[in-house]
Amino acid sequence: MTDTAIIEIALRTMLVALKLSAPILVTSLVIGFTISLFQSMTQIQEFTLSFVPKVVGVGIALLVCGNWMLHTLVDFTQDLFASIPGLLS
């Protein structure tokens, strides 16, 4: 196993992690920004007002993107397991 193979696996792992976390993080960011903008315009300072919509939004994002996320992770794992014999030789 060479240094370049290790770096390639680490890079692919980080890219898959970024792709898998992006829908959840972007959803949370957009909802948080929208609620913060609403709170600053109306001067309502309630913490649960930002928490509950984020939880609901992240749940919806998981329902919508969960199938794609699972297939991406399974494909990455299968590719990684398939490359083990080539890495050991």
Protein backbone atom coordinates (compact mmCIF):
# COMPACT_ATOMS: atom_id res chain seq x y z
CA MET A 1 0.00 0.00 0.00
CA THR A 2 1.59 3.25 -1.14
CA ASP A 3 1.27 6.76 0.18
CA THR A 4 -0.68 7.86 -2.88
CA ALA A 5 -3.24 5.09 -2.39
CA ILE A 6 -3.79 6.15 1.21
CA ILE A 7 -4.17 9.79 0.20
CA GLU A 8 -6.59 8.84 -2.58
CA ILE A 9 -8.75 6.81 -0.17
CA ALA A 10 -8.71 9.65 2.36
CA LEU A 11 -9.66 12.18 -0.33
CA ARG A 12 -12.51 9.99 -1.61
CA THR A 13 -13.71 9.48 1.98
CA MET A 14 -13.75 13.21 2.66
CA LEU A 15 -15.59 13.92 -0.59
CA VAL A 16 -18.24 11.31 0.19
CA ALA A 17 -18.64 12.74 3.70
CA LEU A 18 -19.02 16.23 2.24
CA LYS A 19 -21.60 15.04 -0.30
CA LEU A 20 -23.56 13.19 2.37
CA SER A 21 -23.61 16.07 4.85
CA ALA A 22 -24.35 18.83 2.32
CA PRO A 23 -28.16 18.43 2.07
CA ILE A 24 -28.58 18.49 5.84
CA LEU A 25 -26.17 21.36 6.43
CA VAL A 26 -27.53 23.51 3.60
CA THR A 27 -31.11 22.95 4.77
CA SER A 28 -30.20 23.90 8.33
CA LEU A 29 -28.26 26.94 7.13
CA VAL A 30 -31.09 28.26 4.94
CA ILE A 31 -33.73 27.73 7.61
CA GLY A 32 -31.52 29.27 10.30
CA PHE A 33 -30.79 32.31 8.15
CA THR A 34 -34.47 32.77 7.30
CA ILE A 35 -35.57 32.49 10.93
CA SER A 36 -32.79 34.86 12.06
CA LEU A 37 -33.84 37.38 9.44
CA PHE A 38 -37.47 37.07 10.58
CA GLN A 39 -36.45 37.47 14.23
CA SER A 40 -34.36 40.55 13.52
CA MET A 41 -37.18 42.16 11.53
CA THR A 42 -39.83 41.47 14.17
CA GLN A 43 -37.50 41.71 17.22
CA ILE A 44 -38.80 38.40 18.56
CA GLN A 45 -36.04 36.68 20.53
CA GLU A 46 -37.33 33.15 21.09
CA PHE A 47 -34.85 30.27 20.94
CA THR A 48 -37.42 27.58 20.16
CA LEU A 49 -38.54 29.56 17.14
CA SER A 50 -35.29 28.68 15.38
CA PHE A 51 -34.89 25.16 16.80
CA VAL A 52 -38.18 23.56 15.81
CA PRO A 53 -38.15 24.60 12.11
CA LYS A 54 -34.56 23.37 11.79
CA VAL A 55 -35.47 19.97 13.21
CA VAL A 56 -38.45 19.70 10.87
CA GLY A 57 -36.39 20.88 7.88
CA VAL A 58 -33.57 18.45 8.58
CA GLY A 59 -36.11 15.63 8.95
CA ILE A 60 -37.64 16.50 5.58
CA ALA A 61 -34.16 16.72 4.01
CA LEU A 62 -33.37 13.25 5.35
CA LEU A 63 -36.62 11.88 3.97
CA VAL A 64 -36.00 13.41 0.55
CA CYS A 65 -32.26 12.69 0.27
CA GLY A 66 -31.98 9.60 2.48
CA ASN A 67 -32.27 7.09 -0.35
CA TRP A 68 -29.58 8.86 -2.38
CA MET A 69 -27.36 9.16 0.71
CA LEU A 70 -27.67 5.45 1.46
CA HIS A 71 -26.89 4.44 -2.12
CA THR A 72 -23.87 6.75 -2.22
CA LEU A 73 -22.50 5.29 0.99
CA VAL A 74 -23.13 1.69 -0.10
CA ASP A 75 -21.47 2.29 -3.49
CA PHE A 76 -18.44 3.87 -1.82
CA THR A 77 -18.14 0.98 0.63
CA GLN A 78 -18.45 -1.64 -2.11
CA ASP A 79 -15.80 0.14 -4.20
CA LEU A 80 -13.52 0.33 -1.19
CA PHE A 81 -13.94 -3.37 -0.37
CA ALA A 82 -13.44 -4.30 -4.04
CA SER A 83 -10.15 -2.38 -4.12
CA ILE A 84 -8.67 -4.17 -1.08
CA PRO A 85 -6.95 -6.98 -3.06
CA GLY A 86 -5.31 -4.42 -5.34
CA LEU A 87 -4.13 -2.39 -2.38
CA LEU A 88 -2.55 -5.36 -0.63
CA SER A 89 -0.50 -6.51 -3.59
